[in-house]
Full PDB file with SEQRES, HELIX, SHEET, SSBOND, CRYST1, ORIGX, SCALE, CONECT and MASTER records, all heavy atoms in Angstrom:
SEQRES   1 A   41  GLY TYR SER LEU PHE VAL LEU LYS ALA ASN THR ARG ALA          
SEQRES   2 A   41  LYS LYS LEU TYR LEU LYS LEU GLY PHE LYS VAL GLN GLU          
SEQRES   3 A   41  TYR PRO GLU ILE MET PRO LEU ALA ASP CYS LEU TYR MET          
SEQRES   4 A   41  VAL LYS                                                      
HELIX    1 AA1 THR A   11  LYS A   19  1                                   9    
SHEET    1 AA1 2 SER A   3  LEU A   7  0                                        
SHEET    2 AA1 2 CYS A  36  VAL A  40 -1                                        
CRYST1    1.000    1.000    1.000  90.00  90.00  90.00 P 1           1          
ORIGX1      1.000000  0.000000  0.000000        0.00000                         
ORIGX2      0.000000  1.000000  0.000000        0.00000                         
ORIGX3      0.000000  0.000000  1.000000        0.00000                         
SCALE1      1.000000  0.000000  0.000000        0.00000                         
SCALE2      0.000000  1.000000  0.000000        0.00000                         
SCALE3      0.000000  0.000000  1.000000        0.00000                         
ATOM      1  N   GLY A   1      -9.589  -1.114 -99.580  1.00  0.00           N  
ATOM      2  CA  GLY A   1     -10.569  -0.119 -99.130  1.00  0.00           C  
ATOM      3  C   GLY A   1     -11.890  -0.647 -98.847  1.00  0.00           C  
ATOM      4  O   GLY A   1     -11.951  -1.831 -98.547  1.00  0.00           O  
ATOM      5  N   TYR A   2     -12.913   0.178 -99.020  1.00  0.00           N  
ATOM      6  CA  TYR A   2     -14.274  -0.150 -98.652  1.00  0.00           C  
ATOM      7  C   TYR A   2     -15.182   0.163 -99.821  1.00  0.00           C  
ATOM      8  O   TYR A   2     -14.964   1.109-100.561  1.00  0.00           O  
ATOM      9  CB  TYR A   2     -14.694   0.593 -97.340  1.00  0.00           C  
ATOM     10  CG  TYR A   2     -13.619   0.589 -96.320  1.00  0.00           C  
ATOM     11  CD1 TYR A   2     -12.709   1.710 -96.250  1.00  0.00           C  
ATOM     12  CD2 TYR A   2     -13.421  -0.468 -95.465  1.00  0.00           C  
ATOM     13  CE1 TYR A   2     -11.698   1.730 -95.343  1.00  0.00           C  
ATOM     14  CE2 TYR A   2     -12.405  -0.502 -94.560  1.00  0.00           C  
ATOM     15  CZ  TYR A   2     -11.560   0.625 -94.511  1.00  0.00           C  
ATOM     16  OH  TYR A   2     -10.555   0.632 -93.604  1.00  0.00           O  
ATOM     17  N   SER A   3     -16.257  -0.605 -99.903  1.00  0.00           N  
ATOM     18  CA  SER A   3     -17.290  -0.381-100.971  1.00  0.00           C  
ATOM     19  C   SER A   3     -18.657  -0.628-100.412  1.00  0.00           C  
ATOM     20  O   SER A   3     -18.819  -1.221 -99.412  1.00  0.00           O  
ATOM     21  CB  SER A   3     -16.998  -1.255-102.201  1.00  0.00           C  
ATOM     22  OG  SER A   3     -17.207  -2.613-101.901  1.00  0.00           O  
ATOM     23  N   LEU A   4     -19.650  -0.085-101.141  1.00  0.00           N  
ATOM     24  CA  LEU A   4     -21.026  -0.290-100.833  1.00  0.00           C  
ATOM     25  C   LEU A   4     -21.905   0.092-102.064  1.00  0.00           C  
ATOM     26  O   LEU A   4     -21.379   0.695-102.957  1.00  0.00           O  
ATOM     27  CB  LEU A   4     -21.413   0.510 -99.536  1.00  0.00           C  
ATOM     28  CG  LEU A   4     -21.178   1.995 -99.541  1.00  0.00           C  
ATOM     29  CD1 LEU A   4     -22.278   2.752-100.266  1.00  0.00           C  
ATOM     30  CD2 LEU A   4     -21.037   2.512 -98.144  1.00  0.00           C  
ATOM     31  N   PHE A   5     -23.160  -0.316-101.967  1.00  0.00           N  
ATOM     32  CA  PHE A   5     -24.161   0.066-102.937  1.00  0.00           C  
ATOM     33  C   PHE A   5     -25.098   0.972-102.250  1.00  0.00           C  
ATOM     34  O   PHE A   5     -25.474   0.797-101.024  1.00  0.00           O  
ATOM     35  CB  PHE A   5     -24.919  -1.144-103.503  1.00  0.00           C  
ATOM     36  CG  PHE A   5     -24.034  -2.074-104.410  1.00  0.00           C  
ATOM     37  CD1 PHE A   5     -23.769  -3.324-103.924  1.00  0.00           C  
ATOM     38  CD2 PHE A   5     -23.569  -1.681-105.600  1.00  0.00           C  
ATOM     39  CE1 PHE A   5     -22.991  -4.224-104.679  1.00  0.00           C  
ATOM     40  CE2 PHE A   5     -22.780  -2.520-106.376  1.00  0.00           C  
ATOM     41  CZ  PHE A   5     -22.509  -3.815-105.941  1.00  0.00           C  
ATOM     42  N   VAL A   6     -25.595   1.936-102.911  1.00  0.00           N  
ATOM     43  CA  VAL A   6     -26.706   2.741-102.417  1.00  0.00           C  
ATOM     44  C   VAL A   6     -27.700   3.020-103.532  1.00  0.00           C  
ATOM     45  O   VAL A   6     -27.320   3.353-104.637  1.00  0.00           O  
ATOM     46  CB  VAL A   6     -26.165   4.096-101.791  1.00  0.00           C  
ATOM     47  CG1 VAL A   6     -25.464   4.947-102.739  1.00  0.00           C  
ATOM     48  CG2 VAL A   6     -27.295   4.835-101.077  1.00  0.00           C  
ATOM     49  N   LEU A   7     -28.937   2.962-103.250  1.00  0.00           N  
ATOM     50  CA  LEU A   7     -30.011   3.346-104.283  1.00  0.00           C  
ATOM     51  C   LEU A   7     -29.893   4.813-104.587  1.00  0.00           C  
ATOM     52  O   LEU A   7     -29.663   5.618-103.703  1.00  0.00           O  
ATOM     53  CB  LEU A   7     -31.348   3.004-103.736  1.00  0.00           C  
ATOM     54  CG  LEU A   7     -31.731   1.514-103.653  1.00  0.00           C  
ATOM     55  CD1 LEU A   7     -33.101   1.270-103.018  1.00  0.00           C  
ATOM     56  CD2 LEU A   7     -31.720   0.809-104.966  1.00  0.00           C  
ATOM     57  N   LYS A   8     -30.003   5.133-105.853  1.00  0.00           N  
ATOM     58  CA  LYS A   8     -29.873   6.537-106.310  1.00  0.00           C  
ATOM     59  C   LYS A   8     -30.880   7.404-105.571  1.00  0.00           C  
ATOM     60  O   LYS A   8     -30.539   8.506-105.208  1.00  0.00           O  
ATOM     61  CB  LYS A   8     -30.065   6.637-107.770  1.00  0.00           C  
ATOM     62  CG  LYS A   8     -28.994   5.989-108.607  1.00  0.00           C  
ATOM     63  CD  LYS A   8     -29.325   6.065-110.102  1.00  0.00           C  
ATOM     64  CE  LYS A   8     -28.256   5.334-110.865  1.00  0.00           C  
ATOM     65  NZ  LYS A   8     -28.589   5.250-112.340  1.00  0.00           N  
ATOM     66  N   ALA A   9     -32.075   6.889-105.255  1.00  0.00           N  
ATOM     67  CA  ALA A   9     -33.045   7.692-104.555  1.00  0.00           C  
ATOM     68  C   ALA A   9     -32.792   7.854-103.099  1.00  0.00           C  
ATOM     69  O   ALA A   9     -33.482   8.712-102.417  1.00  0.00           O  
ATOM     70  CB  ALA A   9     -34.467   7.008-104.768  1.00  0.00           C  
ATOM     71  N   ASN A  10     -31.845   7.126-102.480  1.00  0.00           N  
ATOM     72  CA  ASN A  10     -31.588   7.209-101.097  1.00  0.00           C  
ATOM     73  C   ASN A  10     -30.617   8.278-100.805  1.00  0.00           C  
ATOM     74  O   ASN A  10     -29.497   8.123-100.437  1.00  0.00           O  
ATOM     75  CB  ASN A  10     -31.169   5.840-100.551  1.00  0.00           C  
ATOM     76  CG  ASN A  10     -31.110   5.803 -99.068  1.00  0.00           C  
ATOM     77  OD1 ASN A  10     -31.301   6.764 -98.395  1.00  0.00           O  
ATOM     78  ND2 ASN A  10     -30.950   4.571 -98.524  1.00  0.00           N  
ATOM     79  N   THR A  11     -31.063   9.508-100.955  1.00  0.00           N  
ATOM     80  CA  THR A  11     -30.171  10.696-100.871  1.00  0.00           C  
ATOM     81  C   THR A  11     -29.588  10.897 -99.495  1.00  0.00           C  
ATOM     82  O   THR A  11     -28.464  11.358 -99.405  1.00  0.00           O  
ATOM     83  CB  THR A  11     -30.904  12.061-101.361  1.00  0.00           C  
ATOM     84  OG1 THR A  11     -32.099  12.166-100.544  1.00  0.00           O  
ATOM     85  CG2 THR A  11     -31.296  11.926-102.789  1.00  0.00           C  
ATOM     86  N   ARG A  12     -30.313  10.584 -98.512  1.00  0.00           N  
ATOM     87  CA  ARG A  12     -29.840  10.750 -97.126  1.00  0.00           C  
ATOM     88  C   ARG A  12     -28.606   9.834 -96.836  1.00  0.00           C  
ATOM     89  O   ARG A  12     -27.637  10.297 -96.359  1.00  0.00           O  
ATOM     90  CB  ARG A  12     -30.937  10.414 -96.122  1.00  0.00           C  
ATOM     91  CG  ARG A  12     -30.681  10.675 -94.722  1.00  0.00           C  
ATOM     92  CD  ARG A  12     -31.829  10.424 -93.836  1.00  0.00           C  
ATOM     93  NE  ARG A  12     -31.642  10.951 -92.574  1.00  0.00           N  
ATOM     94  CZ  ARG A  12     -32.550  11.045 -91.620  1.00  0.00           C  
ATOM     95  NH1 ARG A  12     -33.743  10.539 -91.897  1.00  0.00           N  
ATOM     96  NH2 ARG A  12     -32.362  11.607 -90.404  1.00  0.00           N  
ATOM     97  N   ALA A  13     -28.713   8.600 -97.286  1.00  0.00           N  
ATOM     98  CA  ALA A  13     -27.604   7.703 -97.162  1.00  0.00           C  
ATOM     99  C   ALA A  13     -26.391   8.085 -97.975  1.00  0.00           C  
ATOM    100  O   ALA A  13     -25.269   8.088 -97.578  1.00  0.00           O  
ATOM    101  CB  ALA A  13     -27.990   6.256 -97.499  1.00  0.00           C  
ATOM    102  N   LYS A  14     -26.698   8.452 -99.301  1.00  0.00           N  
ATOM    103  CA  LYS A  14     -25.625   8.858-100.131  1.00  0.00           C  
ATOM    104  C   LYS A  14     -24.893  10.038 -99.585  1.00  0.00           C  
ATOM    105  O   LYS A  14     -23.677  10.143 -99.563  1.00  0.00           O  
ATOM    106  CB  LYS A  14     -26.193   9.203-101.523  1.00  0.00           C  
ATOM    107  CG  LYS A  14     -25.152   9.643-102.532  1.00  0.00           C  
ATOM    108  CD  LYS A  14     -25.722  10.035-103.893  1.00  0.00           C  
ATOM    109  CE  LYS A  14     -24.662  10.600-104.738  1.00  0.00           C  
ATOM    110  NZ  LYS A  14     -25.295  11.234-105.936  1.00  0.00           N  
ATOM    111  N   LYS A  15     -25.582  11.080 -98.983  1.00  0.00           N  
ATOM    112  CA  LYS A  15     -24.934  12.174 -98.338  1.00  0.00           C  
ATOM    113  C   LYS A  15     -24.057  11.766 -97.223  1.00  0.00           C  
ATOM    114  O   LYS A  15     -22.884  12.267 -97.097  1.00  0.00           O  
ATOM    115  CB  LYS A  15     -26.061  13.106 -97.847  1.00  0.00           C  
ATOM    116  CG  LYS A  15     -25.517  14.406 -97.254  1.00  0.00           C  
ATOM    117  CD  LYS A  15     -26.690  15.374 -96.749  1.00  0.00           C  
ATOM    118  CE  LYS A  15     -26.088  16.568 -96.102  1.00  0.00           C  
ATOM    119  NZ  LYS A  15     -27.208  17.385 -95.628  1.00  0.00           N  
ATOM    120  N   LEU A  16     -24.468  10.810 -96.384  1.00  0.00           N  
ATOM    121  CA  LEU A  16     -23.680  10.248 -95.290  1.00  0.00           C  
ATOM    122  C   LEU A  16     -22.369   9.627 -95.895  1.00  0.00           C  
ATOM    123  O   LEU A  16     -21.255   9.877 -95.443  1.00  0.00           O  
ATOM    124  CB  LEU A  16     -24.400   9.300 -94.476  1.00  0.00           C  
ATOM    125  CG  LEU A  16     -23.543   8.493 -93.443  1.00  0.00           C  
ATOM    126  CD1 LEU A  16     -22.962   9.395 -92.419  1.00  0.00           C  
ATOM    127  CD2 LEU A  16     -24.435   7.424 -92.777  1.00  0.00           C  
ATOM    128  N   TYR A  17     -22.483   8.812 -96.850  1.00  0.00           N  
ATOM    129  CA  TYR A  17     -21.345   8.060 -97.439  1.00  0.00           C  
ATOM    130  C   TYR A  17     -20.404   9.057 -98.059  1.00  0.00           C  
ATOM    131  O   TYR A  17     -19.125   8.924 -97.917  1.00  0.00           O  
ATOM    132  CB  TYR A  17     -21.834   7.054 -98.504  1.00  0.00           C  
ATOM    133  CG  TYR A  17     -22.829   6.056 -97.981  1.00  0.00           C  
ATOM    134  CD1 TYR A  17     -23.812   5.488 -98.801  1.00  0.00           C  
ATOM    135  CD2 TYR A  17     -22.770   5.660 -96.600  1.00  0.00           C  
ATOM    136  CE1 TYR A  17     -24.764   4.601 -98.312  1.00  0.00           C  
ATOM    137  CE2 TYR A  17     -23.818   4.746 -96.135  1.00  0.00           C  
ATOM    138  CZ  TYR A  17     -24.737   4.285 -97.000  1.00  0.00           C  
ATOM    139  OH  TYR A  17     -25.662   3.363 -96.512  1.00  0.00           O  
ATOM    140  N   LEU A  18     -20.808  10.094 -98.700  1.00  0.00           N  
ATOM    141  CA  LEU A  18     -19.940  11.085 -99.293  1.00  0.00           C  
ATOM    142  C   LEU A  18     -19.213  11.804 -98.182  1.00  0.00           C  
ATOM    143  O   LEU A  18     -18.010  12.065 -98.224  1.00  0.00           O  
ATOM    144  CB  LEU A  18     -20.780  12.078-100.151  1.00  0.00           C  
ATOM    145  CG  LEU A  18     -21.280  11.596-101.474  1.00  0.00           C  
ATOM    146  CD1 LEU A  18     -22.244  12.565-102.071  1.00  0.00           C  
ATOM    147  CD2 LEU A  18     -20.167  11.256-102.473  1.00  0.00           C  
ATOM    148  N   LYS A  19     -19.924  12.150 -97.048  1.00  0.00           N  
ATOM    149  CA  LYS A  19     -19.301  12.827 -95.945  1.00  0.00           C  
ATOM    150  C   LYS A  19     -18.187  11.932 -95.349  1.00  0.00           C  
ATOM    151  O   LYS A  19     -17.151  12.522 -94.878  1.00  0.00           O  
ATOM    152  CB  LYS A  19     -20.404  13.100 -94.917  1.00  0.00           C  
ATOM    153  CG  LYS A  19     -19.906  13.881 -93.641  1.00  0.00           C  
ATOM    154  CD  LYS A  19     -21.016  14.182 -92.717  1.00  0.00           C  
ATOM    155  CE  LYS A  19     -20.721  13.462 -91.418  1.00  0.00           C  
ATOM    156  NZ  LYS A  19     -21.766  13.498 -90.439  1.00  0.00           N  
ATOM    157  N   LEU A  20     -18.339  10.647 -95.358  1.00  0.00           N  
ATOM    158  CA  LEU A  20     -17.398   9.738 -94.785  1.00  0.00           C  
ATOM    159  C   LEU A  20     -16.237   9.408 -95.824  1.00  0.00           C  
ATOM    160  O   LEU A  20     -15.397   8.517 -95.508  1.00  0.00           O  
ATOM    161  CB  LEU A  20     -18.052   8.428 -94.381  1.00  0.00           C  
ATOM    162  CG  LEU A  20     -18.945   8.565 -93.195  1.00  0.00           C  
ATOM    163  CD1 LEU A  20     -19.727   7.311 -92.860  1.00  0.00           C  
ATOM    164  CD2 LEU A  20     -18.249   9.039 -91.952  1.00  0.00           C  
ATOM    165  N   GLY A  21     -16.204   9.992 -96.997  1.00  0.00           N  
ATOM    166  CA  GLY A  21     -15.131   9.856 -97.942  1.00  0.00           C  
ATOM    167  C   GLY A  21     -15.410   8.838 -99.037  1.00  0.00           C  
ATOM    168  O   GLY A  21     -14.472   8.567 -99.845  1.00  0.00           O  
ATOM    169  N   PHE A  22     -16.571   8.292 -99.150  1.00  0.00           N  
ATOM    170  CA  PHE A  22     -16.847   7.358-100.236  1.00  0.00           C  
ATOM    171  C   PHE A  22     -17.064   8.221-101.529  1.00  0.00           C  
ATOM    172  O   PHE A  22     -17.665   9.326-101.435  1.00  0.00           O  
ATOM    173  CB  PHE A  22     -18.133   6.587 -99.943  1.00  0.00           C  
ATOM    174  CG  PHE A  22     -17.909   5.430 -98.961  1.00  0.00           C  
ATOM    175  CD1 PHE A  22     -17.920   5.719 -97.614  1.00  0.00           C  
ATOM    176  CD2 PHE A  22     -17.625   4.147 -99.359  1.00  0.00           C  
ATOM    177  CE1 PHE A  22     -17.741   4.678 -96.672  1.00  0.00           C  
ATOM    178  CE2 PHE A  22     -17.437   3.081 -98.494  1.00  0.00           C  
ATOM    179  CZ  PHE A  22     -17.508   3.373 -97.152  1.00  0.00           C  
ATOM    180  N   LYS A  23     -16.655   7.671-102.636  1.00  0.00           N  
ATOM    181  CA  LYS A  23     -16.945   8.342-104.000  1.00  0.00           C  
ATOM    182  C   LYS A  23     -17.664   7.367-104.854  1.00  0.00           C  
ATOM    183  O   LYS A  23     -17.351   6.195-104.836  1.00  0.00           O  
ATOM    184  CB  LYS A  23     -15.600   8.674-104.526  1.00  0.00           C  
ATOM    185  CG  LYS A  23     -14.887   9.789-103.746  1.00  0.00           C  
ATOM    186  CD  LYS A  23     -13.515  10.175-104.380  1.00  0.00           C  
ATOM    187  CE  LYS A  23     -12.869  11.351-103.727  1.00  0.00           C  
ATOM    188  NZ  LYS A  23     -12.598  11.242-102.321  1.00  0.00           N  
ATOM    189  N   VAL A  24     -18.530   7.952-105.736  1.00  0.00           N  
ATOM    190  CA  VAL A  24     -19.284   7.116-106.718  1.00  0.00           C  
ATOM    191  C   VAL A  24     -18.200   6.701-107.774  1.00  0.00           C  
ATOM    192  O   VAL A  24     -17.427   7.490-108.216  1.00  0.00           O  
ATOM    193  CB  VAL A  24     -20.371   7.957-107.332  1.00  0.00           C  
ATOM    194  CG1 VAL A  24     -21.041   7.129-108.434  1.00  0.00           C  
ATOM    195  CG2 VAL A  24     -21.402   8.376-106.261  1.00  0.00           C  
ATOM    196  N   GLN A  25     -18.262   5.416-108.126  1.00  0.00           N  
ATOM    197  CA  GLN A  25     -17.356   4.873-109.134  1.00  0.00           C  
ATOM    198  C   GLN A  25     -18.211   3.955-110.056  1.00  0.00           C  
ATOM    199  O   GLN A  25     -19.289   3.423-109.639  1.00  0.00           O  
ATOM    200  CB  GLN A  25     -16.263   4.015-108.543  1.00  0.00           C  
ATOM    201  CG  GLN A  25     -15.095   4.743-107.991  1.00  0.00           C  
ATOM    202  CD  GLN A  25     -13.942   3.913-107.727  1.00  0.00           C  
ATOM    203  OE1 GLN A  25     -13.940   2.669-107.872  1.00  0.00           O  
ATOM    204  NE2 GLN A  25     -12.871   4.493-107.220  1.00  0.00           N  
ATOM    205  N   GLU A  26     -17.744   3.757-111.191  1.00  0.00           N  
ATOM    206  CA  GLU A  26     -18.324   2.782-112.143  1.00  0.00           C  
ATOM    207  C   GLU A  26     -18.113   1.371-111.587  1.00  0.00           C  
ATOM    208  O   GLU A  26     -17.023   1.071-111.232  1.00  0.00           O  
ATOM    209  CB  GLU A  26     -17.697   2.903-113.501  1.00  0.00           C  
ATOM    210  CG  GLU A  26     -18.376   2.187-114.656  1.00  0.00           C  
ATOM    211  CD  GLU A  26     -19.716   2.804-114.992  1.00  0.00           C  
ATOM    212  OE1 GLU A  26     -19.872   4.055-114.859  1.00  0.00           O  
ATOM    213  OE2 GLU A  26     -20.656   2.082-115.391  1.00  0.00           O  
ATOM    214  N   TYR A  27     -19.182   0.592-111.557  1.00  0.00           N  
ATOM    215  CA  TYR A  27     -19.067  -0.800-111.053  1.00  0.00           C  
ATOM    216  C   TYR A  27     -18.356  -1.590-112.166  1.00  0.00           C  
ATOM    217  O   TYR A  27     -18.761  -1.504-113.315  1.00  0.00           O  
ATOM    218  CB  TYR A  27     -20.397  -1.396-110.644  1.00  0.00           C  
ATOM    219  CG  TYR A  27     -20.300  -2.682-109.957  1.00  0.00           C  
ATOM    220  CD1 TYR A  27     -19.666  -2.808-108.718  1.00  0.00           C  
ATOM    221  CD2 TYR A  27     -20.805  -3.841-110.489  1.00  0.00           C  
ATOM    222  CE1 TYR A  27     -19.607  -3.950-108.026  1.00  0.00           C  
ATOM    223  CE2 TYR A  27     -20.682  -5.034-109.863  1.00  0.00           C  
ATOM    224  CZ  TYR A  27     -20.081  -5.126-108.629  1.00  0.00           C  
ATOM    225  OH  TYR A  27     -19.954  -6.332-107.969  1.00  0.00           O  
ATOM    226  N   PRO A  28     -17.273  -2.375-111.824  1.00  0.00           N  
ATOM    227  CA  PRO A  28     -16.475  -3.078-112.902  1.00  0.00           C  
ATOM    228  C   PRO A  28     -17.124  -4.347-113.475  1.00  0.00           C  
ATOM    229  O   PRO A  28     -16.582  -4.875-114.343  1.00  0.00           O  
ATOM    230  CB  PRO A  28     -15.181  -3.397-112.120  1.00  0.00           C  
ATOM    231  CG  PRO A  28     -15.574  -3.467-110.734  1.00  0.00           C  
ATOM    232  CD  PRO A  28     -16.735  -2.434-110.573  1.00  0.00           C  
ATOM    233  N   GLU A  29     -18.307  -4.645-113.001  1.00  0.00           N  
ATOM    234  CA  GLU A  29     -19.009  -5.844-113.524  1.00  0.00           C  
ATOM    235  C   GLU A  29     -20.429  -5.406-113.882  1.00  0.00           C  
ATOM    236  O   GLU A  29     -20.768  -4.246-113.809  1.00  0.00           O  
ATOM    237  CB  GLU A  29     -18.998  -6.979-112.478  1.00  0.00           C  
ATOM    238  CG  GLU A  29     -17.651  -7.505-112.130  1.00  0.00           C  
ATOM    239  CD  GLU A  29     -17.596  -8.612-111.061  1.00  0.00           C  
ATOM    240  OE1 GLU A  29     -18.696  -8.818-110.491  1.00  0.00           O  
ATOM    241  OE2 GLU A  29     -16.564  -9.175-110.917  1.00  0.00           O  
ATOM    242  N   ILE A  30     -21.262  -6.355-114.174  1.00  0.00           N  
ATOM    243  CA  ILE A  30     -22.658  -6.059-114.370  1.00  0.00           C  
ATOM    244  C   ILE A  30     -23.282  -5.648-113.049  1.00  0.00           C  
ATOM    245  O   ILE A  30     -23.138  -6.384-112.047  1.00  0.00           O  
ATOM    246  CB  ILE A  30     -23.428  -7.268-114.969  1.00  0.00           C  
ATOM    247  CG1 ILE A  30     -22.864  -7.602-116.367  1.00  0.00           C  
ATOM    248  CG2 ILE A  30     -24.905  -6.963-115.018  1.00  0.00           C  
ATOM    249  CD1 ILE A  30     -23.439  -8.865-116.973  1.00  0.00           C  
ATOM    250  N   MET A  31     -23.956  -4.497-112.961  1.00  0.00           N  
ATOM    251  CA  MET A  31     -24.512  -3.955-111.742  1.00  0.00           C  
ATOM    252  C   MET A  31     -25.551  -4.997-111.236  1.00  0.00           C  
ATOM    253  O   MET A  31     -26.547  -5.265-111.954  1.00  0.00           O  
ATOM    254  CB  MET A  31     -25.118  -2.614-111.984  1.00  0.00           C  
ATOM    255  CG  MET A  31     -25.713  -1.997-110.741  1.00  0.00           C  
ATOM    256  SD  MET A  31     -24.563  -1.724-109.409  1.00  0.00           S  
ATOM    257  CE  MET A  31     -23.989  -0.104-109.736  1.00  0.00           C  
ATOM    258  N   PRO A  32     -25.352  -5.509-110.049  1.00  0.00           N  
ATOM    259  CA  PRO A  32     -26.355  -6.443-109.528  1.00  0.00           C  
ATOM    260  C   PRO A  32     -27.708  -5.867-109.022  1.00  0.00           C  
ATOM    261  O   PRO A  32     -28.575  -6.581-108.745  1.00  0.00           O  
ATOM    262  CB  PRO A  32     -25.587  -7.111-108.322  1.00  0.00           C  
ATOM    263  CG  PRO A  32     -24.558  -6.058-107.883  1.00  0.00           C  
ATOM    264  CD  PRO A  32     -24.241  -5.276-109.165  1.00  0.00           C  
ATOM    265  N   LEU A  33     -27.717  -4.564-108.914  1.00  0.00           N  
ATOM    266  CA  LEU A  33     -28.919  -3.909-108.321  1.00  0.00           C  
ATOM    267  C   LEU A  33     -29.316  -2.827-109.292  1.00  0.00           C  
ATOM    268  O   LEU A  33     -28.500  -2.022-109.691  1.00  0.00           O  
ATOM    269  CB  LEU A  33     -28.633  -3.324-106.947  1.00  0.00           C  
ATOM    270  CG  LEU A  33     -28.130  -4.326-105.910  1.00  0.00           C  
ATOM    271  CD1 LEU A  33     -27.600  -3.554-104.662  1.00  0.00           C  
ATOM    272  CD2 LEU A  33     -29.233  -5.276-105.489  1.00  0.00           C  
ATOM    273  N   ALA A  34     -30.630  -2.688-109.587  1.00  0.00           N  
ATOM    274  CA  ALA A  34     -31.117  -1.646-110.421  1.00  0.00           C  
ATOM    275  C   ALA A  34     -31.147  -0.299-109.707  1.00  0.00           C  
ATOM    276  O   ALA A  34     -31.316  -0.277-108.499  1.00  0.00           O  
ATOM    277  CB  ALA A  34     -32.529  -1.936-110.894  1.00  0.00           C  
ATOM    278  N   ASP A  35     -31.031   0.783-110.408  1.00  0.00           N  
ATOM    279  CA  ASP A  35     -31.107   2.122-109.806  1.00  0.00           C  
ATOM    280  C   ASP A  35     -30.158   2.307-108.625  1.00  0.00           C  
ATOM    281  O   ASP A  35     -30.493   2.963-107.625  1.00  0.00           O  
ATOM    282  CB  ASP A  35     -32.547   2.432-109.417  1.00  0.00           C  
ATOM    283  CG  ASP A  35     -33.493   2.414-110.591  1.00  0.00           C  
ATOM    284  OD1 ASP A  35     -33.108   2.864-111.669  1.00  0.00           O  
ATOM    285  OD2 ASP A  35     -34.584   1.856-110.456  1.00  0.00           O  
ATOM    286  N   CYS A  36     -28.948   1.776-108.736  1.00  0.00           N  
ATOM    287  CA  CYS A  36     -28.001   1.832-107.711  1.00  0.00           C  
ATOM    288  C   CYS A  36     -26.717   2.463-108.015  1.00  0.00           C  
ATOM    289  O   CYS A  36     -26.354   2.494-109.250  1.00  0.00           O  
ATOM    290  CB  CYS A  36     -27.658   0.339-107.327  1.00  0.00           C  
ATOM    291  SG  CYS A  36     -27.838   0.042-105.571  1.00  0.00           S  
ATOM    292  N   LEU A  37     -26.061   3.019-107.073  1.00  0.00           N  
ATOM    293  CA  LEU A  37     -24.705   3.612-107.239  1.00  0.00           C  
ATOM    294  C   LEU A  37     -23.667   2.654-106.518  1.00  0.00           C  
ATOM    295  O   LEU A  37     -24.053   2.189-105.415  1.00  0.00           O  
ATOM    296  CB  LEU A  37     -24.591   4.994-106.680  1.00  0.00           C  
ATOM    297  CG  LEU A  37     -25.512   6.001-107.381  1.00  0.00           C  
ATOM    298  CD1 LEU A  37     -25.449   7.348-106.530  1.00  0.00           C  
ATOM    299  CD2 LEU A  37     -25.110   6.307-108.763  1.00  0.00           C  
ATOM    300  N   TYR A  38     -22.488   2.554-107.110  1.00  0.00           N  
ATOM    301  CA  TYR A  38     -21.462   1.845-106.400  1.00  0.00           C  
ATOM    302  C   TYR A  38     -20.507   2.894-105.847  1.00  0.00           C  
ATOM    303  O   TYR A  38     -20.081   3.806-106.554  1.00  0.00           O  
ATOM    304  CB  TYR A  38     -20.754   0.975-107.467  1.00  0.00           C  
ATOM    305  CG  TYR A  38     -19.536   0.178-106.943  1.00  0.00           C  
ATOM    306  CD1 TYR A  38     -19.622  -0.787-105.933  1.00  0.00           C  
ATOM    307  CD2 TYR A  38     -18.282   0.372-107.511  1.00  0.00           C  
ATOM    308  CE1 TYR A  38     -18.588  -1.541-105.471  1.00  0.00           C  
ATOM    309  CE2 TYR A  38     -17.180  -0.373-107.050  1.00  0.00           C  
ATOM    310  CZ  TYR A  38     -17.367  -1.282-106.009  1.00  0.00           C  
ATOM    311  OH  TYR A  38     -16.301  -2.057-105.602  1.00  0.00           O  
ATOM    312  N   MET A  39     -20.194   2.821-104.581  1.00  0.00           N  
ATOM    313  CA  MET A  39     -19.369   3.813-103.893  1.00  0.00           C  
ATOM    314  C   MET A  39     -18.103   3.075-103.290  1.00  0.00           C  
ATOM    315  O   MET A  39     -18.282   2.022-102.765  1.00  0.00           O  
ATOM    316  CB  MET A  39     -20.166   4.580-102.853  1.00  0.00           C  
ATOM    317  CG  MET A  39     -21.332   5.355-103.547  1.00  0.00           C  
ATOM    318  SD  MET A  39     -22.183   6.434-102.282  1.00  0.00           S  
ATOM    319  CE  MET A  39     -21.093   7.771-102.144  1.00  0.00           C  
ATOM    320  N   VAL A  40     -17.013   3.813-103.358  1.00  0.00           N  
ATOM    321  CA  VAL A  40     -15.760   3.207-102.867  1.00  0.00           C  
ATOM    322  C   VAL A  40     -14.995   4.264-102.049  1.00  0.00           C  
ATOM    323  O   VAL A  40     -15.016   5.424-102.306  1.00  0.00           O  
ATOM    324  CB  VAL A  40     -14.919   2.770-104.055  1.00  0.00           C  
ATOM    325  CG1 VAL A  40     -13.440   2.421-103.677  1.00  0.00           C  
ATOM    326  CG2 VAL A  40     -15.542   1.581-104.807  1.00  0.00           C  
ATOM    327  N   LYS A  41     -14.343   3.786-101.040  1.00  0.00           N  
ATOM    328  CA  LYS A  41     -13.474   4.594-100.235  1.00  0.00           C  
ATOM    329  C   LYS A  41     -12.122   3.828-100.192  1.00  0.00           C  
ATOM    330  O   LYS A  41     -12.030   2.720 -99.589  1.00  0.00           O  
ATOM    331  CB  LYS A  41     -14.008   4.767 -98.826  1.00  0.00           C  
ATOM    332  CG  LYS A  41     -13.127   5.608 -97.906  1.00  0.00           C  
ATOM    333  CD  LYS A  41     -13.764   5.784 -96.566  1.00  0.00           C  
ATOM    334  CE  LYS A  41     -12.895   6.639 -95.677  1.00  0.00           C  
ATOM    335  NZ  LYS A  41     -13.532   7.038 -94.511  1.00  0.00           N  
TER     336      LYS A  41                                                      
MASTER        0    0    0    1    2    0    0    6  335    1    0    4          
END                                                                             
């Protein structure tokens, strides 16, 4: 599938990713970016 990171504060981008079928998931390793969400489709 596909994955990406998005800053929690970047609500516009997060809304687009959700519309395209991405879902927030727990990142399986140490999160490389602060204040970020990991999204997967």
